[in-house]
C-alpha atoms as a PDB file:
ATOM      1  CA  MET A   1     -12.903 -34.604 -85.896  1.00  0.00           C
ATOM      2  CA  PRO A   2     -13.171 -32.196 -83.239  1.00  0.00           C
ATOM      3  CA  GLU A   3     -13.783 -33.533 -79.930  1.00  0.00           C
ATOM      4  CA  LYS A   4     -17.911 -32.552 -78.066  1.00  0.00           C
ATOM      5  CA  LYS A   5     -16.171 -30.205 -75.685  1.00  0.00           C
ATOM      6  CA  VAL A   6     -18.691 -31.025 -72.227  1.00  0.00           C
ATOM      7  CA  LYS A   7     -18.945 -28.067 -69.405  1.00  0.00           C
ATOM      8  CA  CYS A   8     -19.933 -28.921 -65.705  1.00  0.00           C
ATOM      9  CA  MET A   9     -23.361 -28.551 -65.016  1.00  0.00           C
ATOM     10  CA  VAL A  10     -23.529 -26.674 -62.239  1.00  0.00           C
ATOM     11  CA  CYS A  11     -20.033 -24.120 -62.447  1.00  0.00           C
ATOM     12  CA  GLY A  12     -20.023 -23.885 -66.214  1.00  0.00           C
ATOM     13  CA  LYS A  13     -16.057 -24.813 -66.618  1.00  0.00           C
ATOM     14  CA  ALA A  14     -14.610 -27.255 -69.301  1.00  0.00           C
ATOM     15  CA  ILE A  15     -14.522 -30.337 -67.875  1.00  0.00           C
ATOM     16  CA  GLU A  16     -12.843 -34.038 -68.610  1.00  0.00           C
ATOM     17  CA  THR A  17     -14.285 -36.472 -67.417  1.00  0.00           C
ATOM     18  CA  SER A  18     -17.542 -38.188 -68.719  1.00  0.00           C
ATOM     19  CA  GLY A  19     -19.527 -37.214 -66.385  1.00  0.00           C
ATOM     20  CA  SER A  20     -22.535 -34.081 -66.265  1.00  0.00           C
ATOM     21  CA  ILE A  21     -20.693 -32.124 -63.432  1.00  0.00           C
ATOM     22  CA  CYS A  22     -17.455 -31.469 -62.168  1.00  0.00           C
ATOM     23  CA  GLN A  23     -15.940 -33.290 -58.821  1.00  0.00           C
ATOM     24  CA  ARG A  24     -15.116 -30.299 -56.930  1.00  0.00           C
ATOM     25  CA  CYS A  25     -19.530 -29.992 -57.563  1.00  0.00           C
ATOM     26  CA  GLN A  26     -20.037 -33.073 -57.043  1.00  0.00           C
ATOM     27  CA  GLU A  27     -17.971 -32.471 -53.251  1.00  0.00           C
ATOM     28  CA  SER A  28     -19.702 -29.125 -52.953  1.00  0.00           C
ATOM     29  CA  ILE A  29     -22.865 -31.054 -53.348  1.00  0.00           C
ATOM     30  CA  ARG A  30     -22.364 -34.430 -51.490  1.00  0.00           C
ATOM     31  CA  GLY A  31     -20.763 -32.256 -48.610  1.00  0.00           C
ATOM     32  CA  GLU A  32     -24.183 -29.812 -48.459  1.00  0.00           C
ATOM     33  CA  ALA A  33     -26.250 -32.953 -48.602  1.00  0.00           C
ATOM     34  CA  VAL A  34     -24.162 -34.302 -45.548  1.00  0.00           C
ATOM     35  CA  GLY A  35     -24.285 -31.425 -43.601  1.00  0.00           C
ATOM     36  CA  LYS A  36     -28.613 -31.173 -43.845  1.00  0.00           C
ATOM     37  CA  ARG A  37     -28.983 -34.755 -43.345  1.00  0.00           C
ATOM     38  CA  LYS A  38     -27.280 -34.785 -40.158  1.00  0.00           C
ATOM     39  CA  LYS A  39     -29.469 -31.221 -39.181  1.00  0.00           C
ATOM     40  CA  VAL A  40     -32.510 -32.845 -40.129  1.00  0.00           C
ATOM     41  CA  GLY A  41     -31.166 -35.894 -37.469  1.00  0.00           C
ATOM     42  CA  ALA A  42     -30.316 -33.717 -34.793  1.00  0.00           C
ATOM     43  CA  ALA A  43     -34.367 -32.221 -35.074  1.00  0.00           C
ATOM     44  CA  ALA A  44     -35.520 -35.098 -35.216  1.00  0.00           C
ATOM     45  CA  ASP A  45     -33.633 -36.212 -32.048  1.00  0.00           C
ATOM     46  CA  LYS A  46     -34.835 -32.985 -30.215  1.00  0.00           C
ATOM     47  CA  ALA A  47     -38.667 -33.779 -31.145  1.00  0.00           C
ATOM     48  CA  MET A  48     -38.553 -37.383 -29.915  1.00  0.00           C
ATOM     49  CA  LYS A  49     -37.133 -35.234 -26.528  1.00  0.00           C
ATOM     50  CA  LYS A  50     -39.775 -33.024 -26.295  1.00  0.00           C
ATOM     51  CA  HIS A  51     -42.339 -35.615 -26.253  1.00  0.00           C
ATOM     52  CA  GLY A  52     -41.223 -37.869 -23.864  1.00  0.00           C
ATOM     53  CA  GLN A  53     -39.052 -40.456 -26.067  1.00  0.00           C
ATOM     54  CA  LYS A  54     -35.953 -42.130 -26.358  1.00  0.00           C
ATOM     55  CA  PRO A  55     -34.060 -41.356 -29.617  1.00  0.00           C
ATOM     56  CA  PRO A  56     -32.521 -44.068 -30.771  1.00  0.00           C
ATOM     57  CA  ASN A  57     -29.179 -45.420 -30.922  1.00  0.00           C
ATOM     58  CA  LYS A  58     -26.798 -44.291 -33.886  1.00  0.00           C
END
């Protein structure tokens, strides 16, 4: 029986892993999420300072 070819849901390249997206795309998505999280945290700290509150230590 021919094996079912699995393609990455993000880039469309054939993958050999059991997941639905390739390792390169997983790393890219994870990096975007971390960057967005840092931006949101910085904006929250800035807003707290603007209102005269001390941001929590990280």
